[in-house]
Amino acid sequence: MNDPFLLASEILADRPWILWPGQPEAPLLRSVTRFGVLSPVDVEETEDGIVLLAGYRRLHAIGPHARIPVRFLPPTNPVQRAIYYVATNTGQAWDAWRLVRLARMAIRPEYSGLAAEALPLLDLHEKARPWIQALAWTALPEAWDERLLFNALGLECGTYLTRFDEADRLRLVPLFQNLCWGRNGSLALIEKLYECSRRNASGLAEVLVDLDTHRVLNSDLSPKDKINYILEMLRRLRHPVLHALRTEQETLFSEFCRETSWSVSRPDQFETNKTTFSVTVCSGQEVQEAAQTLFKAAVILDRDRPHPSQDAKVCRPKNL
């Protein structure tokens, strides 16, 4: 039995269960131009008219004024339509954007039970971490979803983004427009910005001013240098005492090492007063020379300076 044909414009394709609409790709356009649509799109006749269930790209590839083969499916309900749509699109691997689109529908009362049936089709379940993160993301305005399309942000960022108000979230946007932080980098950046704004009892706007992000983003620096500069400034702002100690010690270390064969390091991020001195020697004479210069280490140890743990503002560095 031949499939019936309808004008593409007669089919309502803007239904909510069409979760992942997209423009037809070049190979599909070439195929449709040469051969037409070879397989029917799935539709259902409802009170609103004939609605599309599957075949969005084929429908848009042929254009609104062309006739397209259709297959009528039995009447059903919105939940089953969404499940059917997901089932017919399992050839596309899910990504963050697709998962959030599904989550936004699943939290609507009229789509109760959708997640339980649709997630197994994507090889997921309701306690899977990506699904939990997608549900958390739905607390953000829908306009943020498009940033998932280009991997500017990962689902992991949603938990921290929801803690900012919308005004502060908009202040974050320039940081991700032309810089590729990577998924882990974007999460670390947002996490540290949030912690800085909370720790200093200041808003994000003040933190961004302190970081001088506007000048950096509009400078002639390369994207990589911009990222490194912002991260370095953020480390200083987040741990000011630790940064001061590092700067002081690096200056002393550099002076000491420049005049001797010793190398010096602080192995525990200033959590104790331990300092490591090391030297490479090839003869007894070099051992004697190294021993003679070791007394200069007294300048570096500087035991009269208060231990940083006595300063309540010092926090143990995390992911530095």
Protein backbone atom coordinates (compact mmCIF):
# COMPACT_ATOMS: atom_id res chain seq x y z
CA MET A 1 0.00 0.00 0.00
CA ASN A 2 1.36 3.36 -1.03
CA ASP A 3 1.81 6.03 1.62
CA PRO A 4 -0.40 9.10 1.24
CA PHE A 5 1.17 12.47 0.43
CA LEU A 6 0.55 15.83 2.07
CA LEU A 7 1.86 19.31 1.50
CA ALA A 8 4.67 19.89 3.97
CA SER A 9 2.96 23.10 5.07
CA GLU A 10 -0.09 21.10 6.20
CA ILE A 11 1.91 19.32 8.89
CA LEU A 12 2.32 21.03 12.27
CA ALA A 13 5.97 20.59 13.24
CA ASP A 14 6.24 23.06 16.11
CA ARG A 15 4.92 20.66 18.74
CA PRO A 16 6.64 20.44 22.16
CA TRP A 17 7.52 16.74 21.80
CA ILE A 18 9.81 17.60 18.87
CA LEU A 19 12.61 17.88 21.41
CA TRP A 20 15.68 18.18 19.22
CA PRO A 21 14.80 20.15 16.10
CA GLY A 22 17.67 21.02 13.83
CA GLN A 23 18.47 22.16 10.33
CA PRO A 24 18.85 19.42 7.69
CA GLU A 25 22.47 18.63 6.96
CA ALA A 26 24.07 18.96 3.53
CA PRO A 27 23.98 15.22 2.60
CA LEU A 28 20.25 15.06 3.38
CA LEU A 29 19.59 18.19 1.34
CA ARG A 30 21.45 16.74 -1.64
CA SER A 31 19.54 13.47 -1.36
CA VAL A 32 16.16 15.21 -1.12
CA THR A 33 17.01 17.51 -4.03
CA ARG A 34 17.86 14.55 -6.25
CA PHE A 35 15.45 11.84 -5.12
CA GLY A 36 12.85 13.54 -2.93
CA VAL A 37 11.92 12.19 0.50
CA LEU A 38 12.26 8.41 0.23
CA SER A 39 10.70 7.41 3.55
CA PRO A 40 7.51 8.82 5.05
CA VAL A 41 7.42 11.10 8.06
CA ASP A 42 5.26 9.96 10.97
CA VAL A 43 2.17 12.03 11.77
CA GLU A 44 -0.98 11.90 13.84
CA GLU A 45 -4.34 13.50 13.23
CA THR A 46 -5.50 15.53 16.24
CA GLU A 47 -8.07 18.21 17.01
CA ASP A 48 -5.43 20.84 16.23
CA GLY A 49 -4.63 19.32 12.86
CA ILE A 50 -2.07 16.88 11.53
CA VAL A 51 0.94 16.94 13.85
CA LEU A 52 4.45 15.66 13.23
CA LEU A 53 5.76 12.81 15.39
CA ALA A 54 9.07 12.08 13.68
CA GLY A 55 10.92 13.25 10.58
CA TYR A 56 11.56 16.92 11.35
CA ARG A 57 14.69 17.30 9.21
CA ARG A 58 13.17 15.52 6.22
CA LEU A 59 10.11 17.74 6.45
CA HIS A 60 12.20 20.91 6.46
CA ALA A 61 14.57 19.65 3.79
CA ILE A 62 11.81 19.34 1.19
CA GLY A 63 10.37 22.82 1.79
CA PRO A 64 6.83 23.96 2.70
CA HIS A 65 5.33 23.82 -0.79
CA ALA A 66 6.39 20.30 -1.73
CA ARG A 67 4.44 17.12 -1.15
CA ILE A 68 5.87 14.58 1.24
CA PRO A 69 4.91 10.95 2.01
CA VAL A 70 3.36 10.49 5.44
CA ARG A 71 2.48 7.59 7.70
CA PHE A 72 -0.50 8.09 10.01
CA LEU A 73 -0.11 6.59 13.47
CA PRO A 74 -2.95 5.78 15.89
CA PRO A 75 -4.09 8.55 18.25
CA THR A 76 -2.10 8.74 21.47
CA ASN A 77 -1.17 11.25 24.21
CA PRO A 78 1.64 13.83 24.61
CA VAL A 79 3.80 11.55 26.77
CA GLN A 80 3.67 8.71 24.25
CA ARG A 81 4.39 11.14 21.42
CA ALA A 82 7.52 12.33 23.21
CA ILE A 83 8.62 8.75 23.89
CA TYR A 84 8.07 7.85 20.25
CA TYR A 85 10.10 10.86 19.16
CA VAL A 86 13.01 9.87 21.42
CA ALA A 87 12.80 6.27 20.20
CA THR A 88 13.05 7.35 16.56
CA ASN A 89 16.09 9.53 17.32
CA THR A 90 18.25 7.10 19.26
CA GLY A 91 20.67 7.07 16.33
CA GLN A 92 21.85 10.45 17.58
CA ALA A 93 24.02 10.10 20.68
CA TRP A 94 22.65 12.18 23.51
CA ASP A 95 24.58 15.24 24.57
CA ALA A 96 24.12 17.86 27.28
CA TRP A 97 21.76 20.01 25.22
CA ARG A 98 19.51 17.09 24.23
CA LEU A 99 19.39 15.84 27.80
CA VAL A 100 18.39 19.25 29.17
CA ARG A 101 15.68 19.58 26.54
CA LEU A 102 14.28 16.24 27.66
CA ALA A 103 14.58 17.25 31.32
CA ARG A 104 12.66 20.48 30.77
CA MET A 105 9.80 18.48 29.31
CA ALA A 106 9.95 15.72 31.93
CA ILE A 107 9.47 18.15 34.83
CA ARG A 108 6.19 19.43 33.39
CA PRO A 109 3.15 17.88 35.13
CA GLU A 110 1.52 16.83 31.87
CA TYR A 111 4.62 14.77 30.99
CA SER A 112 4.76 12.80 34.23
CA GLY A 113 6.36 9.41 33.68
CA LEU A 114 8.28 10.51 30.57
CA ALA A 115 11.73 10.13 32.12
CA ALA A 116 11.13 6.58 33.32
CA GLU A 117 10.33 5.40 29.79
CA ALA A 118 12.53 7.69 27.68
CA LEU A 119 15.83 7.47 29.57
CA PRO A 120 16.38 3.72 28.98
CA LEU A 121 16.15 4.48 25.26
CA LEU A 122 19.22 6.68 25.76
CA ASP A 123 20.96 4.04 27.91
CA LEU A 124 20.40 6.17 31.03
CA HIS A 125 18.33 5.91 34.20
CA GLU A 126 16.78 8.40 36.60
CA LYS A 127 19.65 8.20 39.10
CA ALA A 128 22.37 8.64 36.48
CA ARG A 129 24.61 11.62 37.21
CA PRO A 130 24.09 13.28 33.79
CA TRP A 131 20.31 13.14 34.31
CA ILE A 132 20.54 14.60 37.82
CA GLN A 133 22.76 17.38 36.46
CA ALA A 134 20.31 18.01 33.62
CA LEU A 135 17.46 18.35 36.12
CA ALA A 136 19.54 20.83 38.14
CA TRP A 137 20.20 22.81 34.95
CA THR A 138 16.46 23.30 34.41
CA ALA A 139 16.51 25.82 37.28
CA LEU A 140 18.33 28.15 34.87
CA PRO A 141 16.49 30.26 32.29
CA GLU A 142 16.05 28.40 29.01
CA ALA A 143 18.24 30.94 27.22
CA TRP A 144 21.27 29.32 28.85
CA ASP A 145 20.64 26.02 27.07
CA GLU A 146 22.26 27.15 23.83
CA ARG A 147 25.61 27.45 25.62
CA LEU A 148 25.53 23.67 25.95
CA LEU A 149 25.33 23.32 22.17
CA PHE A 150 28.86 24.60 21.62
CA ASN A 151 30.37 23.00 24.72
CA ALA A 152 31.01 26.46 26.16
CA LEU A 153 29.69 25.05 29.43
CA GLY A 154 29.15 21.56 30.76
CA LEU A 155 26.19 20.25 32.70
CA GLU A 156 28.42 20.25 35.78
CA CYS A 157 28.31 24.06 35.82
CA GLY A 158 24.57 24.18 36.41
CA THR A 159 24.77 23.68 40.18
CA TYR A 160 26.96 26.75 40.64
CA LEU A 161 25.19 28.85 38.01
CA THR A 162 21.88 28.44 39.81
CA ARG A 163 23.45 29.98 42.93
CA PHE A 164 24.03 33.26 41.10
CA ASP A 165 21.14 35.60 40.44
CA GLU A 166 20.34 36.36 36.81
CA ALA A 167 22.19 39.70 36.87
CA ASP A 168 25.39 37.96 37.95
CA ARG A 169 24.91 35.15 35.45
CA LEU A 170 24.75 37.71 32.67
CA ARG A 171 28.02 39.19 33.94
CA LEU A 172 29.61 35.79 33.35
CA VAL A 173 28.57 35.58 29.69
CA PRO A 174 31.52 37.60 28.23
CA LEU A 175 33.97 35.18 29.83
CA PHE A 176 32.66 32.36 27.63
CA GLN A 177 31.88 34.13 24.36
CA ASN A 178 35.30 33.95 22.71
CA LEU A 179 37.33 31.85 25.11
CA CYS A 180 37.38 28.05 25.13
CA TRP A 181 37.84 27.04 28.75
CA GLY A 182 36.95 23.40 28.24
CA ARG A 183 34.37 21.65 30.39
CA ASN A 184 36.63 21.21 33.41
CA GLY A 185 38.05 24.70 33.07
CA SER A 186 34.65 26.35 32.89
CA LEU A 187 33.51 24.50 36.01
CA ALA A 188 36.66 25.48 37.93
CA LEU A 189 36.29 29.11 36.87
CA ILE A 190 32.64 29.41 37.91
CA GLU A 191 33.27 27.56 41.17
CA LYS A 192 36.16 29.86 42.13
CA LEU A 193 34.29 33.01 41.13
CA TYR A 194 31.38 31.96 43.29
CA GLU A 195 33.61 31.19 46.26
CA CYS A 196 35.42 34.52 45.92
CA SER A 197 32.17 36.46 45.83
CA ARG A 198 30.96 34.64 48.94
CA ARG A 199 34.19 34.65 50.90
CA ASN A 200 34.83 38.36 50.50
CA ALA A 201 31.19 39.27 51.21
CA SER A 202 31.17 41.05 47.86
CA GLY A 203 29.11 40.52 44.77
CA LEU A 204 30.36 39.01 41.55
CA ALA A 205 30.51 42.46 39.94
CA GLU A 206 33.17 43.55 42.43
CA VAL A 207 35.15 40.35 41.94
CA LEU A 208 35.18 40.84 38.17
CA VAL A 209 36.36 44.44 38.64
CA ASP A 210 39.19 43.20 40.86
CA LEU A 211 40.11 40.66 38.19
CA ASP A 212 40.09 43.42 35.56
CA THR A 213 38.26 41.08 33.20
CA HIS A 214 36.85 43.84 30.97
CA ARG A 215 40.33 45.11 30.08
CA VAL A 216 41.73 41.61 29.66
CA LEU A 217 38.92 40.42 27.39
CA ASN A 218 39.34 43.48 25.16
CA SER A 219 43.13 43.31 25.05
CA ASP A 220 45.35 42.01 22.25
CA LEU A 221 46.38 38.97 24.27
CA SER A 222 45.85 35.56 22.72
CA PRO A 223 42.87 33.55 24.04
CA LYS A 224 45.25 31.25 25.90
CA ASP A 225 47.05 34.17 27.54
CA LYS A 226 43.73 35.75 28.53
CA ILE A 227 42.66 32.53 30.24
CA ASN A 228 45.99 32.16 32.04
CA TYR A 229 45.93 35.78 33.18
CA ILE A 230 42.39 35.56 34.53
CA LEU A 231 43.16 32.31 36.35
CA GLU A 232 46.31 33.74 37.90
CA MET A 233 44.49 36.88 39.08
CA LEU A 234 41.72 34.68 40.46
CA ARG A 235 44.24 32.63 42.46
CA ARG A 236 45.63 35.83 43.96
CA LEU A 237 42.19 37.11 44.84
CA ARG A 238 41.04 33.80 46.25
CA HIS A 239 44.12 33.21 48.44
CA PRO A 240 45.75 36.62 49.03
CA VAL A 241 47.90 35.57 52.01
CA LEU A 242 49.07 32.42 50.29
CA HIS A 243 49.93 34.42 47.18
CA ALA A 244 51.91 36.94 49.25
CA LEU A 245 53.84 34.11 50.91
CA ARG A 246 54.58 32.49 47.58
CA THR A 247 55.78 35.73 46.05
CA GLU A 248 58.04 36.45 49.02
CA GLN A 249 59.47 32.96 49.11
CA GLU A 250 59.95 32.71 45.34
CA THR A 251 61.98 35.93 45.46
CA LEU A 252 64.17 34.57 48.25
CA PHE A 253 64.47 31.17 46.58
CA SER A 254 65.49 32.77 43.32
CA GLU A 255 68.16 34.89 45.00
CA PHE A 256 69.54 31.94 46.92
CA CYS A 257 69.54 29.53 43.97
CA ARG A 258 71.12 32.06 41.62
CA GLU A 259 74.28 32.21 43.72
CA THR A 260 74.47 28.53 44.68
CA SER A 261 73.94 25.05 43.25
CA TRP A 262 71.02 24.38 45.60
CA SER A 263 67.36 24.20 44.65
CA VAL A 264 64.64 25.03 47.17
CA SER A 265 60.92 24.26 47.38
CA ARG A 266 58.01 24.30 49.81
CA PRO A 267 56.46 20.81 49.50
CA ASP A 268 53.25 21.38 51.45
CA GLN A 269 51.80 24.73 50.29
CA PHE A 270 52.87 26.51 53.52
CA GLU A 271 50.82 24.20 55.73
CA THR A 272 53.99 23.75 57.81
CA ASN A 273 57.38 25.47 58.01
CA LYS A 274 59.05 22.64 56.10
CA THR A 275 61.42 23.67 53.33
CA THR A 276 63.18 21.24 51.00
CA PHE A 277 66.78 21.90 49.92
CA SER A 278 68.38 19.69 47.29
CA VAL A 279 71.67 19.71 45.44
CA THR A 280 73.38 17.50 42.87
CA VAL A 281 77.09 16.85 43.35
CA CYS A 282 79.65 14.80 41.47
CA SER A 283 82.66 14.96 43.79
CA GLY A 284 83.76 15.49 47.35
CA GLN A 285 84.88 18.99 46.46
CA GLU A 286 81.37 19.87 45.29
CA VAL A 287 79.96 18.50 48.55
CA GLN A 288 82.24 20.84 50.50
CA GLU A 289 81.26 23.81 48.34
CA ALA A 290 77.56 23.05 48.72
CA ALA A 291 77.92 22.76 52.49
CA GLN A 292 79.69 26.11 52.66
CA THR A 293 76.82 27.88 50.91
CA LEU A 294 74.01 26.19 52.83
CA PHE A 295 74.18 28.72 55.67
CA LYS A 296 72.43 31.19 53.36
CA ALA A 297 69.30 29.15 53.88
CA ALA A 298 68.76 31.01 57.16
CA VAL A 299 67.40 33.92 55.16
CA ILE A 300 64.78 31.68 53.60
CA LEU A 301 63.62 29.91 56.73
CA ASP A 302 62.97 33.23 58.55
CA ARG A 303 61.48 31.54 61.59
CA ASP A 304 60.51 34.86 63.19
CA ARG A 305 57.71 35.34 60.64
CA PRO A 306 54.32 34.11 61.96
CA HIS A 307 53.23 30.78 60.55
CA PRO A 308 50.46 31.27 57.95
CA SER A 309 48.14 28.88 59.77
CA GLN A 310 47.87 31.55 62.48
CA ASP A 311 46.15 33.84 60.01
CA ALA A 312 42.41 33.07 59.98
CA LYS A 313 42.15 34.35 56.41
CA VAL A 314 44.38 31.65 55.03
CA CYS A 315 42.51 28.76 53.43
CA ARG A 316 44.14 25.61 52.25
CA PRO A 317 44.53 25.87 48.50
CA LYS A 318 42.26 23.71 46.44
CA ASN A 319 42.99 22.71 42.85
CA LEU A 320 45.69 25.37 42.47
